Amino acid sequence: MQKVEQEFAFTSRKLPQVIMVSRAYLFTGYARLPAGIAAGELYRVVSLGVKVDAEGRILAADCTLATQLSREFFAGLLVGNNLLTEMDKIVKLIEEHYHGDAQRALIAALRVAGEKCLAYFNQI
């Protein structure tokens, strides 16, 4: 990491800022949630974000489920798998282990993120 001093408009002081050069990428997907579930009452769509490395391996994941336990459990199903080459495996893991009402919406959002990831890596 490289530290640099940068002057910000709101102050005349120079504040330290850490710049990280990373080979990680963030892809997102969205899907409509079913009516009547807690997350559906908070949000109308589920939002999913996956951080992947340059080979497509999922480093981190997050989504807009209603409880922290659900978000962490779902992320645990994804991390370590490859978004580019293991989509069917990931979907099977979700179907076998996540039995919440948002299952289909999460899979749909994941597929959208996967399509964005594939399109990006095909163009570079």
N, C-alpha and C. Protein backbone atom coordinates (compact mmCIF):
# COMPACT_ATOMS: atom_id res chain seq x y z
N MET A 1 0.84 -1.19 0.00
CA MET A 1 0.00 0.00 0.00
C MET A 1 0.88 1.24 0.00
N GLN A 2 0.36 2.24 -0.64
CA GLN A 2 1.08 3.49 -0.74
C GLN A 2 0.26 4.57 -0.06
N LYS A 3 0.90 5.30 0.85
CA LYS A 3 0.20 6.41 1.50
C LYS A 3 0.54 7.69 0.77
N VAL A 4 -0.47 8.49 0.54
CA VAL A 4 -0.25 9.79 -0.08
C VAL A 4 -0.98 10.84 0.73
N GLU A 5 -0.52 12.05 0.61
CA GLU A 5 -1.20 13.17 1.25
C GLU A 5 -2.06 13.85 0.20
N GLN A 6 -3.30 14.08 0.52
CA GLN A 6 -4.19 14.73 -0.43
C GLN A 6 -4.93 15.85 0.29
N GLU A 7 -5.02 16.99 -0.35
CA GLU A 7 -5.73 18.11 0.23
C GLU A 7 -7.20 18.02 -0.17
N PHE A 8 -8.07 18.10 0.82
CA PHE A 8 -9.50 18.01 0.58
C PHE A 8 -10.13 19.39 0.61
N ALA A 9 -11.19 19.59 -0.14
CA ALA A 9 -11.84 20.90 -0.28
C ALA A 9 -12.37 21.42 1.05
N PHE A 10 -12.79 20.53 1.96
CA PHE A 10 -13.43 20.97 3.19
C PHE A 10 -12.43 21.38 4.28
N THR A 11 -11.16 21.20 4.05
CA THR A 11 -10.16 21.56 5.04
C THR A 11 -8.87 21.99 4.34
N SER A 12 -8.12 22.80 5.00
CA SER A 12 -6.85 23.20 4.43
C SER A 12 -5.74 22.21 4.82
N ARG A 13 -6.04 21.28 5.74
CA ARG A 13 -5.06 20.27 6.14
C ARG A 13 -4.94 19.19 5.08
N LYS A 14 -3.80 18.58 5.06
CA LYS A 14 -3.61 17.41 4.19
C LYS A 14 -3.88 16.18 5.04
N LEU A 15 -4.76 15.32 4.56
CA LEU A 15 -5.12 14.11 5.29
C LEU A 15 -4.52 12.90 4.60
N PRO A 16 -4.06 11.92 5.39
CA PRO A 16 -3.50 10.72 4.76
C PRO A 16 -4.60 9.91 4.07
N GLN A 17 -4.27 9.35 2.94
CA GLN A 17 -5.20 8.52 2.20
C GLN A 17 -4.43 7.29 1.75
N VAL A 18 -5.00 6.12 1.95
CA VAL A 18 -4.34 4.89 1.55
C VAL A 18 -4.87 4.49 0.18
N ILE A 19 -3.95 4.24 -0.74
CA ILE A 19 -4.31 3.80 -2.07
C ILE A 19 -3.92 2.34 -2.19
N MET A 20 -4.86 1.50 -2.53
CA MET A 20 -4.58 0.08 -2.71
C MET A 20 -4.72 -0.26 -4.18
N VAL A 21 -3.69 -0.87 -4.72
CA VAL A 21 -3.77 -1.37 -6.08
C VAL A 21 -4.24 -2.81 -5.97
N SER A 22 -5.35 -3.10 -6.57
CA SER A 22 -5.97 -4.40 -6.38
C SER A 22 -6.33 -5.01 -7.72
N ARG A 23 -6.31 -6.31 -7.78
CA ARG A 23 -6.77 -7.04 -8.95
C ARG A 23 -8.12 -7.67 -8.62
N ALA A 24 -8.93 -6.98 -7.85
CA ALA A 24 -10.26 -7.46 -7.50
C ALA A 24 -11.30 -6.63 -8.24
N TYR A 25 -12.45 -7.23 -8.47
CA TYR A 25 -13.53 -6.60 -9.22
C TYR A 25 -14.84 -6.83 -8.47
N LEU A 26 -15.75 -5.87 -8.56
CA LEU A 26 -17.06 -5.99 -7.92
C LEU A 26 -18.14 -6.03 -8.99
N PHE A 27 -18.98 -7.04 -8.90
CA PHE A 27 -20.11 -7.18 -9.81
C PHE A 27 -21.39 -7.28 -8.99
N THR A 28 -22.46 -6.69 -9.51
CA THR A 28 -23.73 -6.67 -8.78
C THR A 28 -24.85 -7.27 -9.61
N GLY A 29 -25.87 -7.70 -8.92
CA GLY A 29 -27.07 -8.20 -9.58
C GLY A 29 -28.27 -7.86 -8.73
N TYR A 30 -29.41 -7.74 -9.36
CA TYR A 30 -30.65 -7.38 -8.68
C TYR A 30 -31.76 -8.29 -9.17
N ALA A 31 -32.71 -8.59 -8.28
CA ALA A 31 -33.89 -9.38 -8.66
C ALA A 31 -35.04 -9.03 -7.72
N ARG A 32 -36.24 -9.16 -8.23
CA ARG A 32 -37.43 -8.84 -7.44
C ARG A 32 -37.62 -9.89 -6.34
N LEU A 33 -37.94 -9.40 -5.14
CA LEU A 33 -38.23 -10.29 -4.01
C LEU A 33 -39.72 -10.64 -3.97
N PRO A 34 -40.05 -11.81 -3.44
CA PRO A 34 -41.46 -12.15 -3.30
C PRO A 34 -42.13 -11.25 -2.25
N ALA A 35 -43.38 -10.96 -2.42
CA ALA A 35 -44.13 -10.15 -1.45
C ALA A 35 -44.33 -10.94 -0.17
N GLY A 36 -44.39 -10.23 0.95
CA GLY A 36 -44.73 -10.86 2.21
C GLY A 36 -43.56 -11.40 3.02
N ILE A 37 -42.33 -11.25 2.53
CA ILE A 37 -41.18 -11.68 3.34
C ILE A 37 -40.51 -10.45 3.93
N ALA A 38 -39.76 -10.63 5.00
CA ALA A 38 -39.16 -9.50 5.71
C ALA A 38 -38.32 -8.62 4.79
N ALA A 39 -37.44 -9.23 4.01
CA ALA A 39 -36.59 -8.44 3.11
C ALA A 39 -37.44 -7.73 2.07
N GLY A 40 -38.53 -8.37 1.65
CA GLY A 40 -39.44 -7.77 0.68
C GLY A 40 -40.16 -6.55 1.23
N GLU A 41 -40.37 -6.54 2.55
CA GLU A 41 -41.00 -5.39 3.20
C GLU A 41 -40.01 -4.22 3.30
N LEU A 42 -38.72 -4.54 3.45
CA LEU A 42 -37.70 -3.50 3.54
C LEU A 42 -37.28 -2.99 2.16
N TYR A 43 -37.15 -3.92 1.23
CA TYR A 43 -36.71 -3.61 -0.13
C TYR A 43 -37.62 -4.35 -1.09
N ARG A 44 -37.82 -3.84 -2.26
CA ARG A 44 -38.62 -4.57 -3.25
C ARG A 44 -37.76 -5.51 -4.09
N VAL A 45 -36.47 -5.24 -4.10
CA VAL A 45 -35.55 -6.10 -4.84
C VAL A 45 -34.43 -6.54 -3.91
N VAL A 46 -33.82 -7.68 -4.23
CA VAL A 46 -32.63 -8.09 -3.52
C VAL A 46 -31.44 -7.59 -4.34
N SER A 47 -30.51 -7.01 -3.65
CA SER A 47 -29.28 -6.54 -4.27
C SER A 47 -28.17 -7.47 -3.82
N LEU A 48 -27.33 -7.86 -4.75
CA LEU A 48 -26.24 -8.79 -4.46
C LEU A 48 -24.95 -8.21 -5.02
N GLY A 49 -23.89 -8.24 -4.24
CA GLY A 49 -22.58 -7.80 -4.70
C GLY A 49 -21.58 -8.91 -4.46
N VAL A 50 -20.74 -9.19 -5.45
CA VAL A 50 -19.69 -10.18 -5.29
C VAL A 50 -18.35 -9.56 -5.69
N LYS A 51 -17.36 -9.75 -4.85
CA LYS A 51 -16.00 -9.30 -5.13
C LYS A 51 -15.24 -10.52 -5.62
N VAL A 52 -14.64 -10.41 -6.81
CA VAL A 52 -13.93 -11.55 -7.39
C VAL A 52 -12.50 -11.15 -7.73
N ASP A 53 -11.63 -12.16 -7.80
CA ASP A 53 -10.26 -11.90 -8.22
C ASP A 53 -10.18 -11.97 -9.75
N ALA A 54 -8.99 -11.86 -10.27
CA ALA A 54 -8.81 -11.79 -11.73
C ALA A 54 -9.16 -13.09 -12.44
N GLU A 55 -9.31 -14.18 -11.69
CA GLU A 55 -9.72 -15.46 -12.29
C GLU A 55 -11.20 -15.75 -12.08
N GLY A 56 -11.90 -14.87 -11.38
CA GLY A 56 -13.33 -15.06 -11.13
C GLY A 56 -13.67 -15.71 -9.81
N ARG A 57 -12.66 -16.02 -8.97
CA ARG A 57 -12.90 -16.63 -7.67
C ARG A 57 -13.54 -15.60 -6.75
N ILE A 58 -14.61 -15.99 -6.07
CA ILE A 58 -15.34 -15.07 -5.20
C ILE A 58 -14.56 -14.88 -3.90
N LEU A 59 -14.18 -13.62 -3.62
CA LEU A 59 -13.42 -13.26 -2.43
C LEU A 59 -14.35 -12.83 -1.30
N ALA A 60 -15.46 -12.20 -1.65
CA ALA A 60 -16.43 -11.70 -0.66
C ALA A 60 -17.77 -11.54 -1.36
N ALA A 61 -18.83 -11.58 -0.57
CA ALA A 61 -20.17 -11.38 -1.12
C ALA A 61 -21.06 -10.75 -0.06
N ASP A 62 -22.05 -10.02 -0.52
CA ASP A 62 -23.03 -9.42 0.39
C ASP A 62 -24.35 -9.27 -0.36
N CYS A 63 -25.42 -9.19 0.39
CA CYS A 63 -26.74 -9.02 -0.21
C CYS A 63 -27.66 -8.31 0.77
N THR A 64 -28.84 -7.93 0.31
CA THR A 64 -29.76 -7.15 1.12
C THR A 64 -30.84 -8.02 1.77
N LEU A 65 -30.46 -9.16 2.33
CA LEU A 65 -31.42 -9.92 3.13
C LEU A 65 -31.64 -9.20 4.45
N ALA A 66 -32.74 -9.51 5.14
CA ALA A 66 -33.14 -8.74 6.32
C ALA A 66 -32.25 -8.96 7.54
N THR A 67 -31.69 -10.15 7.71
CA THR A 67 -30.91 -10.41 8.93
C THR A 67 -29.44 -10.62 8.60
N GLN A 68 -28.61 -10.24 9.55
CA GLN A 68 -27.17 -10.41 9.38
C GLN A 68 -26.82 -11.89 9.23
N LEU A 69 -27.47 -12.75 10.01
CA LEU A 69 -27.21 -14.18 9.91
C LEU A 69 -27.46 -14.70 8.49
N SER A 70 -28.57 -14.28 7.89
CA SER A 70 -28.89 -14.71 6.52
C SER A 70 -27.85 -14.20 5.53
N ARG A 71 -27.46 -12.95 5.66
CA ARG A 71 -26.46 -12.37 4.76
C ARG A 71 -25.12 -13.11 4.88
N GLU A 72 -24.69 -13.36 6.12
CA GLU A 72 -23.42 -14.05 6.33
C GLU A 72 -23.49 -15.49 5.83
N PHE A 73 -24.61 -16.17 6.08
CA PHE A 73 -24.76 -17.55 5.63
C PHE A 73 -24.71 -17.62 4.10
N PHE A 74 -25.43 -16.72 3.46
CA PHE A 74 -25.45 -16.70 2.00
C PHE A 74 -24.06 -16.42 1.44
N ALA A 75 -23.36 -15.45 2.01
CA ALA A 75 -22.00 -15.12 1.56
C ALA A 75 -21.09 -16.34 1.72
N GLY A 76 -21.26 -17.08 2.80
CA GLY A 76 -20.45 -18.27 3.04
C GLY A 76 -20.63 -19.34 1.98
N LEU A 77 -21.80 -19.38 1.37
CA LEU A 77 -22.04 -20.34 0.28
C LEU A 77 -21.28 -19.95 -0.98
N LEU A 78 -21.04 -18.66 -1.16
CA LEU A 78 -20.42 -18.17 -2.39
C LEU A 78 -18.90 -18.09 -2.32
N VAL A 79 -18.37 -17.61 -1.22
CA VAL A 79 -16.93 -17.33 -1.11
C VAL A 79 -16.11 -18.60 -1.36
N GLY A 80 -15.10 -18.44 -2.21
CA GLY A 80 -14.21 -19.54 -2.55
C GLY A 80 -14.55 -20.22 -3.85
N ASN A 81 -15.78 -20.04 -4.32
CA ASN A 81 -16.21 -20.61 -5.60
C ASN A 81 -15.89 -19.64 -6.73
N ASN A 82 -15.91 -20.14 -7.94
CA ASN A 82 -15.57 -19.33 -9.10
C ASN A 82 -16.86 -18.89 -9.82
N LEU A 83 -17.07 -17.59 -9.89
CA LEU A 83 -18.27 -17.04 -10.51
C LEU A 83 -18.32 -17.31 -12.01
N LEU A 84 -17.16 -17.44 -12.64
CA LEU A 84 -17.11 -17.67 -14.08
C LEU A 84 -17.31 -19.14 -14.46
N THR A 85 -16.79 -20.05 -13.67
CA THR A 85 -16.77 -21.46 -14.08
C THR A 85 -17.61 -22.38 -13.21
N GLU A 86 -18.10 -21.91 -12.08
CA GLU A 86 -18.81 -22.80 -11.15
C GLU A 86 -20.23 -22.34 -10.83
N MET A 87 -20.89 -21.66 -11.77
CA MET A 87 -22.23 -21.15 -11.50
C MET A 87 -23.19 -22.29 -11.13
N ASP A 88 -23.18 -23.37 -11.87
CA ASP A 88 -24.09 -24.48 -11.57
C ASP A 88 -23.84 -25.05 -10.17
N LYS A 89 -22.59 -25.16 -9.79
CA LYS A 89 -22.23 -25.65 -8.45
C LYS A 89 -22.75 -24.70 -7.38
N ILE A 90 -22.58 -23.40 -7.59
CA ILE A 90 -23.03 -22.40 -6.61
C ILE A 90 -24.55 -22.44 -6.48
N VAL A 91 -25.25 -22.51 -7.61
CA VAL A 91 -26.71 -22.57 -7.58
C VAL A 91 -27.17 -23.81 -6.81
N LYS A 92 -26.51 -24.93 -7.04
CA LYS A 92 -26.87 -26.17 -6.32
C LYS A 92 -26.64 -26.01 -4.82
N LEU A 93 -25.52 -25.36 -4.45
CA LEU A 93 -25.26 -25.11 -3.03
C LEU A 93 -26.38 -24.26 -2.41
N ILE A 94 -26.80 -23.23 -3.13
CA ILE A 94 -27.88 -22.37 -2.64
C ILE A 94 -29.17 -23.17 -2.49
N GLU A 95 -29.51 -23.94 -3.51
CA GLU A 95 -30.74 -24.74 -3.47
C GLU A 95 -30.72 -25.77 -2.34
N GLU A 96 -29.55 -26.33 -2.06
CA GLU A 96 -29.45 -27.36 -1.02
C GLU A 96 -29.37 -26.80 0.39
N HIS A 97 -28.81 -25.60 0.55
CA HIS A 97 -28.52 -25.11 1.89
C HIS A 97 -29.29 -23.86 2.31
N TYR A 98 -29.73 -23.05 1.38
CA TYR A 98 -30.47 -21.83 1.73
C TYR A 98 -31.96 -22.08 1.49
N HIS A 99 -32.72 -22.15 2.56
CA HIS A 99 -34.14 -22.45 2.45
C HIS A 99 -35.01 -21.27 2.85
N GLY A 100 -34.55 -20.07 2.53
CA GLY A 100 -35.33 -18.87 2.78
C GLY A 100 -36.23 -18.56 1.59
N ASP A 101 -37.21 -17.69 1.82
CA ASP A 101 -38.16 -17.33 0.78
C ASP A 101 -37.53 -16.56 -0.38
N ALA A 102 -36.35 -16.01 -0.17
CA ALA A 102 -35.69 -15.22 -1.21
C ALA A 102 -34.77 -16.07 -2.09
N GLN A 103 -34.83 -17.39 -1.96
CA GLN A 103 -33.90 -18.26 -2.69
C GLN A 103 -33.88 -17.99 -4.19
N ARG A 104 -35.04 -17.99 -4.81
CA ARG A 104 -35.10 -17.80 -6.26
C ARG A 104 -34.58 -16.42 -6.68
N ALA A 105 -34.91 -15.39 -5.89
CA ALA A 105 -34.44 -14.04 -6.19
C ALA A 105 -32.92 -13.95 -6.05
N LEU A 106 -32.36 -14.59 -5.04
CA LEU A 106 -30.91 -14.59 -4.86
C LEU A 106 -30.20 -15.28 -6.03
N ILE A 107 -30.75 -16.39 -6.47
CA ILE A 107 -30.16 -17.10 -7.61
C ILE A 107 -30.23 -16.24 -8.87
N ALA A 108 -31.37 -15.58 -9.07
CA ALA A 108 -31.53 -14.72 -10.25
C ALA A 108 -30.52 -13.55 -10.19
N ALA A 109 -30.36 -12.94 -9.02
CA ALA A 109 -29.42 -11.83 -8.87
C ALA A 109 -27.98 -12.32 -9.07
N LEU A 110 -27.69 -13.51 -8.59
CA LEU A 110 -26.36 -14.08 -8.78
C LEU A 110 -26.07 -14.32 -10.26
N ARG A 111 -27.06 -14.82 -10.98
CA ARG A 111 -26.87 -15.06 -12.42
C ARG A 111 -26.62 -13.74 -13.16
N VAL A 112 -27.30 -12.67 -12.76
CA VAL A 112 -27.07 -11.36 -13.38
C VAL A 112 -25.64 -10.90 -13.12
N ALA A 113 -25.18 -11.04 -11.87
CA ALA A 113 -23.80 -10.67 -11.54
C ALA A 113 -22.81 -11.52 -12.32
N GLY A 114 -23.12 -12.81 -12.46
CA GLY A 114 -22.26 -13.70 -13.22
C GLY A 114 -22.18 -13.32 -14.69
N GLU A 115 -23.30 -12.91 -15.26
CA GLU A 115 -23.31 -12.47 -16.66
C GLU A 115 -22.48 -11.21 -16.85
N LYS A 116 -22.58 -10.28 -15.90
CA LYS A 116 -21.77 -9.06 -15.97
C LYS A 116 -20.28 -9.39 -15.87
N CYS A 117 -19.95 -10.31 -14.97
CA CYS A 117 -18.56 -10.73 -14.78
C CYS A 117 -18.02 -11.35 -16.06
N LEU A 118 -18.77 -12.24 -16.65
CA LEU A 118 -18.36 -12.92 -17.87
C LEU A 118 -18.18 -11.92 -19.01
N ALA A 119 -19.12 -10.99 -19.14
CA ALA A 119 -19.04 -9.99 -20.21
C ALA A 119 -17.79 -9.12 -20.01
N TYR A 120 -17.50 -8.75 -18.78
CA TYR A 120 -16.33 -7.91 -18.53
C TYR A 120 -15.04 -8.66 -18.88
N PHE A 121 -14.90 -9.88 -18.38
CA PHE A 121 -13.66 -10.63 -18.61
C PHE A 121 -13.51 -11.04 -20.07
N ASN A 122 -14.60 -11.14 -20.81
CA ASN A 122 -14.50 -11.43 -22.24
C ASN A 122 -14.03 -10.22 -23.04
N GLN A 123 -14.22 -9.04 -22.52
CA GLN A 123 -13.82 -7.83 -23.26
C GLN A 123 -12.40 -7.38 -22.96
N ILE A 124 -11.82 -7.82 -21.87
CA ILE A 124 -10.46 -7.35 -21.55
C ILE A 124 -9.41 -8.28 -22.11
